[in-house]
Amino acid sequence: MFGFWRLWLLATILAIGGALLCFALTHDRRYLGRVLAIVRWSGGLLVIVTCFWLIFRLLR
């Protein structure tokens, strides 16, 4: 399970960092929208996986 979280965290950090770097270089506000979308999807994935994990732990 920790392998999934490490991969998720690394991918999220790289995606957010890339979008922020592009925003810093171009000052195009669409990249900030991409950062917000990445954060929303990442948070949603975290909530879904955590709920399933807790349900599995409670049923076991």
PDB file of N, CA and C in Angstrom:
ATOM      1  N   MET A   1       0.817  -1.197   0.000  1.00  0.00           N
ATOM      2  CA  MET A   1       0.000   0.000   0.000  1.00  0.00           C
ATOM      3  C   MET A   1       0.862   1.263   0.000  1.00  0.00           C
ATOM      4  N   PHE A   2       2.013   1.195   0.683  1.00  0.00           N
ATOM      5  CA  PHE A   2       2.871   2.371   0.718  1.00  0.00           C
ATOM      6  C   PHE A   2       3.467   2.683  -0.647  1.00  0.00           C
ATOM      7  N   GLY A   3       3.645   1.645  -1.477  1.00  0.00           N
ATOM      8  CA  GLY A   3       4.145   1.872  -2.829  1.00  0.00           C
ATOM      9  C   GLY A   3       3.183   2.724  -3.637  1.00  0.00           C
ATOM     10  N   PHE A   4       1.880   2.463  -3.497  1.00  0.00           N
ATOM     11  CA  PHE A   4       0.871   3.263  -4.186  1.00  0.00           C
ATOM     12  C   PHE A   4       0.919   4.710  -3.718  1.00  0.00           C
ATOM     13  N   TRP A   5       0.994   4.914  -2.402  1.00  0.00           N
ATOM     14  CA  TRP A   5       1.000   6.283  -1.874  1.00  0.00           C
ATOM     15  C   TRP A   5       2.239   7.042  -2.303  1.00  0.00           C
ATOM     16  N   ARG A   6       3.396   6.364  -2.337  1.00  0.00           N
ATOM     17  CA  ARG A   6       4.623   7.026  -2.784  1.00  0.00           C
ATOM     18  C   ARG A   6       4.523   7.427  -4.247  1.00  0.00           C
ATOM     19  N   LEU A   7       4.002   6.524  -5.066  1.00  0.00           N
ATOM     20  CA  LEU A   7       3.846   6.817  -6.487  1.00  0.00           C
ATOM     21  C   LEU A   7       2.854   7.951  -6.691  1.00  0.00           C
ATOM     22  N   TRP A   8       1.749   7.921  -5.963  1.00  0.00           N
ATOM     23  CA  TRP A   8       0.742   8.977  -6.053  1.00  0.00           C
ATOM     24  C   TRP A   8       1.335  10.322  -5.639  1.00  0.00           C
ATOM     25  N   LEU A   9       2.066  10.340  -4.542  1.00  0.00           N
ATOM     26  CA  LEU A   9       2.662  11.579  -4.051  1.00  0.00           C
ATOM     27  C   LEU A   9       3.703  12.112  -5.022  1.00  0.00           C
ATOM     28  N   LEU A  10       4.540  11.255  -5.543  1.00  0.00           N
ATOM     29  CA  LEU A  10       5.561  11.685  -6.499  1.00  0.00           C
ATOM     30  C   LEU A  10       4.924  12.243  -7.767  1.00  0.00           C
ATOM     31  N   ALA A  11       3.931  11.564  -8.301  1.00  0.00           N
ATOM     32  CA  ALA A  11       3.260  12.036  -9.515  1.00  0.00           C
ATOM     33  C   ALA A  11       2.553  13.371  -9.279  1.00  0.00           C
ATOM     34  N   THR A  12       1.918  13.506  -8.117  1.00  0.00           N
ATOM     35  CA  THR A  12       1.223  14.757  -7.804  1.00  0.00           C
ATOM     36  C   THR A  12       2.198  15.911  -7.669  1.00  0.00           C
ATOM     37  N   ILE A  13       3.290  15.699  -6.969  1.00  0.00           N
ATOM     38  CA  ILE A  13       4.292  16.748  -6.794  1.00  0.00           C
ATOM     39  C   ILE A  13       4.897  17.153  -8.128  1.00  0.00           C
ATOM     40  N   LEU A  14       5.213  16.175  -8.971  1.00  0.00           N
ATOM     41  CA  LEU A  14       5.781  16.494 -10.279  1.00  0.00           C
ATOM     42  C   LEU A  14       4.787  17.240 -11.161  1.00  0.00           C
ATOM     43  N   ALA A  15       3.528  16.841 -11.136  1.00  0.00           N
ATOM     44  CA  ALA A  15       2.516  17.512 -11.957  1.00  0.00           C
ATOM     45  C   ALA A  15       2.279  18.949 -11.490  1.00  0.00           C
ATOM     46  N   ILE A  16       2.160  19.137 -10.179  1.00  0.00           N
ATOM     47  CA  ILE A  16       1.956  20.484  -9.649  1.00  0.00           C
ATOM     48  C   ILE A  16       3.191  21.345  -9.897  1.00  0.00           C
ATOM     49  N   GLY A  17       4.350  20.782  -9.670  1.00  0.00           N
ATOM     50  CA  GLY A  17       5.587  21.526  -9.911  1.00  0.00           C
ATOM     51  C   GLY A  17       5.750  21.921 -11.368  1.00  0.00           C
ATOM     52  N   GLY A  18       5.418  21.005 -12.272  1.00  0.00           N
ATOM     53  CA  GLY A  18       5.512  21.324 -13.697  1.00  0.00           C
ATOM     54  C   GLY A  18       4.549  22.436 -14.093  1.00  0.00           C
ATOM     55  N   ALA A  19       3.324  22.375 -13.584  1.00  0.00           N
ATOM     56  CA  ALA A  19       2.341  23.415 -13.905  1.00  0.00           C
ATOM     57  C   ALA A  19       2.752  24.763 -13.313  1.00  0.00           C
ATOM     58  N   LEU A  20       3.271  24.754 -12.097  1.00  0.00           N
ATOM     59  CA  LEU A  20       3.719  26.013 -11.493  1.00  0.00           C
ATOM     60  C   LEU A  20       4.935  26.589 -12.202  1.00  0.00           C
ATOM     61  N   LEU A  21       5.828  25.724 -12.662  1.00  0.00           N
ATOM     62  CA  LEU A  21       6.985  26.183 -13.420  1.00  0.00           C
ATOM     63  C   LEU A  21       6.550  26.807 -14.743  1.00  0.00           C
ATOM     64  N   CYS A  22       5.606  26.166 -15.417  1.00  0.00           N
ATOM     65  CA  CYS A  22       5.086  26.725 -16.668  1.00  0.00           C
ATOM     66  C   CYS A  22       4.405  28.063 -16.413  1.00  0.00           C
ATOM     67  N   PHE A  23       3.664  28.182 -15.309  1.00  0.00           N
ATOM     68  CA  PHE A  23       3.031  29.457 -14.977  1.00  0.00           C
ATOM     69  C   PHE A  23       4.082  30.523 -14.707  1.00  0.00           C
ATOM     70  N   ALA A  24       5.141  30.160 -13.994  1.00  0.00           N
ATOM     71  CA  ALA A  24       6.184  31.133 -13.678  1.00  0.00           C
ATOM     72  C   ALA A  24       6.898  31.609 -14.946  1.00  0.00           C
ATOM     73  N   LEU A  25       7.037  30.734 -15.920  1.00  0.00           N
ATOM     74  CA  LEU A  25       7.737  31.108 -17.147  1.00  0.00           C
ATOM     75  C   LEU A  25       6.857  31.880 -18.127  1.00  0.00           C
ATOM     76  N   THR A  26       5.561  31.563 -18.169  1.00  0.00           N
ATOM     77  CA  THR A  26       4.687  32.167 -19.177  1.00  0.00           C
ATOM     78  C   THR A  26       3.673  33.153 -18.622  1.00  0.00           C
ATOM     79  N   HIS A  27       3.386  33.105 -17.332  1.00  0.00           N
ATOM     80  CA  HIS A  27       2.350  33.921 -16.670  1.00  0.00           C
ATOM     81  C   HIS A  27       0.977  33.697 -17.300  1.00  0.00           C
ATOM     82  N   ASP A  28       0.749  32.485 -17.778  1.00  0.00           N
ATOM     83  CA  ASP A  28      -0.540  32.088 -18.339  1.00  0.00           C
ATOM     84  C   ASP A  28      -1.380  31.480 -17.219  1.00  0.00           C
ATOM     85  N   ARG A  29      -2.518  32.089 -16.934  1.00  0.00           N
ATOM     86  CA  ARG A  29      -3.343  31.668 -15.801  1.00  0.00           C
ATOM     87  C   ARG A  29      -3.979  30.294 -15.997  1.00  0.00           C
ATOM     88  N   ARG A  30      -3.981  29.747 -17.197  1.00  0.00           N
ATOM     89  CA  ARG A  30      -4.536  28.413 -17.411  1.00  0.00           C
ATOM     90  C   ARG A  30      -3.749  27.355 -16.637  1.00  0.00           C
ATOM     91  N   TYR A  31      -2.465  27.607 -16.422  1.00  0.00           N
ATOM     92  CA  TYR A  31      -1.660  26.655 -15.658  1.00  0.00           C
ATOM     93  C   TYR A  31      -2.083  26.609 -14.194  1.00  0.00           C
ATOM     94  N   LEU A  32      -2.547  27.731 -13.653  1.00  0.00           N
ATOM     95  CA  LEU A  32      -3.078  27.718 -12.283  1.00  0.00           C
ATOM     96  C   LEU A  32      -4.360  26.902 -12.217  1.00  0.00           C
ATOM     97  N   GLY A  33      -5.151  26.954 -13.271  1.00  0.00           N
ATOM     98  CA  GLY A  33      -6.344  26.114 -13.340  1.00  0.00           C
ATOM     99  C   GLY A  33      -5.974  24.645 -13.371  1.00  0.00           C
ATOM    100  N   ARG A  34      -4.892  24.325 -14.048  1.00  0.00           N
ATOM    101  CA  ARG A  34      -4.428  22.936 -14.074  1.00  0.00           C
ATOM    102  C   ARG A  34      -3.975  22.488 -12.694  1.00  0.00           C
ATOM    103  N   VAL A  35      -3.303  23.376 -11.971  1.00  0.00           N
ATOM    104  CA  VAL A  35      -2.879  23.044 -10.603  1.00  0.00           C
ATOM    105  C   VAL A  35      -4.094  22.762  -9.741  1.00  0.00           C
ATOM    106  N   LEU A  36      -5.122  23.592  -9.863  1.00  0.00           N
ATOM    107  CA  LEU A  36      -6.343  23.395  -9.083  1.00  0.00           C
ATOM    108  C   LEU A  36      -7.016  22.071  -9.453  1.00  0.00           C
ATOM    109  N   ALA A  37      -7.040  21.755 -10.738  1.00  0.00           N
ATOM    110  CA  ALA A  37      -7.637  20.488 -11.166  1.00  0.00           C
ATOM    111  C   ALA A  37      -6.845  19.297 -10.636  1.00  0.00           C
ATOM    112  N   ILE A  38      -5.527  19.392 -10.640  1.00  0.00           N
ATOM    113  CA  ILE A  38      -4.683  18.318 -10.115  1.00  0.00           C
ATOM    114  C   ILE A  38      -4.944  18.121  -8.621  1.00  0.00           C
ATOM    115  N   VAL A  39      -5.055  19.212  -7.896  1.00  0.00           N
ATOM    116  CA  VAL A  39      -5.308  19.131  -6.457  1.00  0.00           C
ATOM    117  C   VAL A  39      -6.678  18.518  -6.187  1.00  0.00           C
ATOM    118  N   ARG A  40      -7.692  18.889  -6.977  1.00  0.00           N
ATOM    119  CA  ARG A  40      -9.032  18.317  -6.783  1.00  0.00           C
ATOM    120  C   ARG A  40      -9.040  16.819  -7.052  1.00  0.00           C
ATOM    121  N   TRP A  41      -8.481  16.410  -8.185  1.00  0.00           N
ATOM    122  CA  TRP A  41      -8.457  14.992  -8.530  1.00  0.00           C
ATOM    123  C   TRP A  41      -7.646  14.196  -7.519  1.00  0.00           C
ATOM    124  N   SER A  42      -6.539  14.772  -7.101  1.00  0.00           N
ATOM    125  CA  SER A  42      -5.681  14.090  -6.145  1.00  0.00           C
ATOM    126  C   SER A  42      -6.390  13.930  -4.796  1.00  0.00           C
ATOM    127  N   GLY A  43      -7.056  14.979  -4.349  1.00  0.00           N
ATOM    128  CA  GLY A  43      -7.804  14.904  -3.102  1.00  0.00           C
ATOM    129  C   GLY A  43      -8.959  13.926  -3.192  1.00  0.00           C
ATOM    130  N   GLY A  44      -9.649  13.924  -4.327  1.00  0.00           N
ATOM    131  CA  GLY A  44     -10.744  12.977  -4.528  1.00  0.00           C
ATOM    132  C   GLY A  44     -10.264  11.542  -4.504  1.00  0.00           C
ATOM    133  N   LEU A  45      -9.138  11.293  -5.176  1.00  0.00           N
ATOM    134  CA  LEU A  45      -8.560   9.949  -5.169  1.00  0.00           C
ATOM    135  C   LEU A  45      -8.168   9.534  -3.758  1.00  0.00           C
ATOM    136  N   LEU A  46      -7.601  10.451  -3.019  1.00  0.00           N
ATOM    137  CA  LEU A  46      -7.211  10.166  -1.644  1.00  0.00           C
ATOM    138  C   LEU A  46      -8.420   9.809  -0.789  1.00  0.00           C
ATOM    139  N   VAL A  47      -9.506  10.542  -0.929  1.00  0.00           N
ATOM    140  CA  VAL A  47     -10.712  10.276  -0.149  1.00  0.00           C
ATOM    141  C   VAL A  47     -11.319   8.921  -0.527  1.00  0.00           C
ATOM    142  N   ILE A  48     -11.395   8.635  -1.822  1.00  0.00           N
ATOM    143  CA  ILE A  48     -11.985   7.363  -2.267  1.00  0.00           C
ATOM    144  C   ILE A  48     -11.169   6.176  -1.783  1.00  0.00           C
ATOM    145  N   VAL A  49      -9.862   6.230  -1.963  1.00  0.00           N
ATOM    146  CA  VAL A  49      -9.009   5.111  -1.551  1.00  0.00           C
ATOM    147  C   VAL A  49      -9.046   4.940  -0.038  1.00  0.00           C
ATOM    148  N   THR A  50      -9.044   6.038   0.697  1.00  0.00           N
ATOM    149  CA  THR A  50      -9.099   5.957   2.155  1.00  0.00           C
ATOM    150  C   THR A  50     -10.419   5.355   2.634  1.00  0.00           C
ATOM    151  N   CYS A  51     -11.518   5.731   2.006  1.00  0.00           N
ATOM    152  CA  CYS A  51     -12.825   5.154   2.385  1.00  0.00           C
ATOM    153  C   CYS A  51     -12.852   3.656   2.147  1.00  0.00           C
ATOM    154  N   PHE A  52     -12.400   3.214   0.965  1.00  0.00           N
ATOM    155  CA  PHE A  52     -12.374   1.783   0.693  1.00  0.00           C
ATOM    156  C   PHE A  52     -11.446   1.047   1.649  1.00  0.00           C
ATOM    157  N   TRP A  53     -10.319   1.654   1.982  1.00  0.00           N
ATOM    158  CA  TRP A  53      -9.373   1.025   2.907  1.00  0.00           C
ATOM    159  C   TRP A  53     -10.009   0.880   4.292  1.00  0.00           C
ATOM    160  N   LEU A  54     -10.677   1.938   4.756  1.00  0.00           N
ATOM    161  CA  LEU A  54     -11.315   1.862   6.067  1.00  0.00           C
ATOM    162  C   LEU A  54     -12.454   0.846   6.086  1.00  0.00           C
ATOM    163  N   ILE A  55     -13.249   0.784   5.020  1.00  0.00           N
ATOM    164  CA  ILE A  55     -14.324  -0.209   4.956  1.00  0.00           C
ATOM    165  C   ILE A  55     -13.732  -1.619   4.990  1.00  0.00           C
ATOM    166  N   PHE A  56     -12.686  -1.838   4.229  1.00  0.00           N
ATOM    167  CA  PHE A  56     -12.035  -3.154   4.219  1.00  0.00           C
ATOM    168  C   PHE A  56     -11.513  -3.507   5.600  1.00  0.00           C
ATOM    169  N   ARG A  57     -10.900  -2.533   6.280  1.00  0.00           N
ATOM    170  CA  ARG A  57     -10.351  -2.793   7.620  1.00  0.00           C
ATOM    171  C   ARG A  57     -11.477  -3.090   8.617  1.00  0.00           C
ATOM    172  N   LEU A  58     -12.608  -2.403   8.512  1.00  0.00           N
ATOM    173  CA  LEU A  58     -13.700  -2.636   9.446  1.00  0.00           C
ATOM    174  C   LEU A  58     -14.399  -3.962   9.191  1.00  0.00           C
ATOM    175  N   LEU A  59     -14.467  -4.403   7.947  1.00  0.00           N
ATOM    176  CA  LEU A  59     -15.118  -5.678   7.631  1.00  0.00           C
ATOM    177  C   LEU A  59     -14.237  -6.868   7.940  1.00  0.00           C
ATOM    178  N   ARG A  60     -12.975  -6.659   8.020  1.00  0.00           N
ATOM    179  CA  ARG A  60     -12.037  -7.745   8.273  1.00  0.00           C
ATOM    180  C   ARG A  60     -11.941  -8.003   9.714  1.00  0.00           C
TER     181      ARG A  60
END
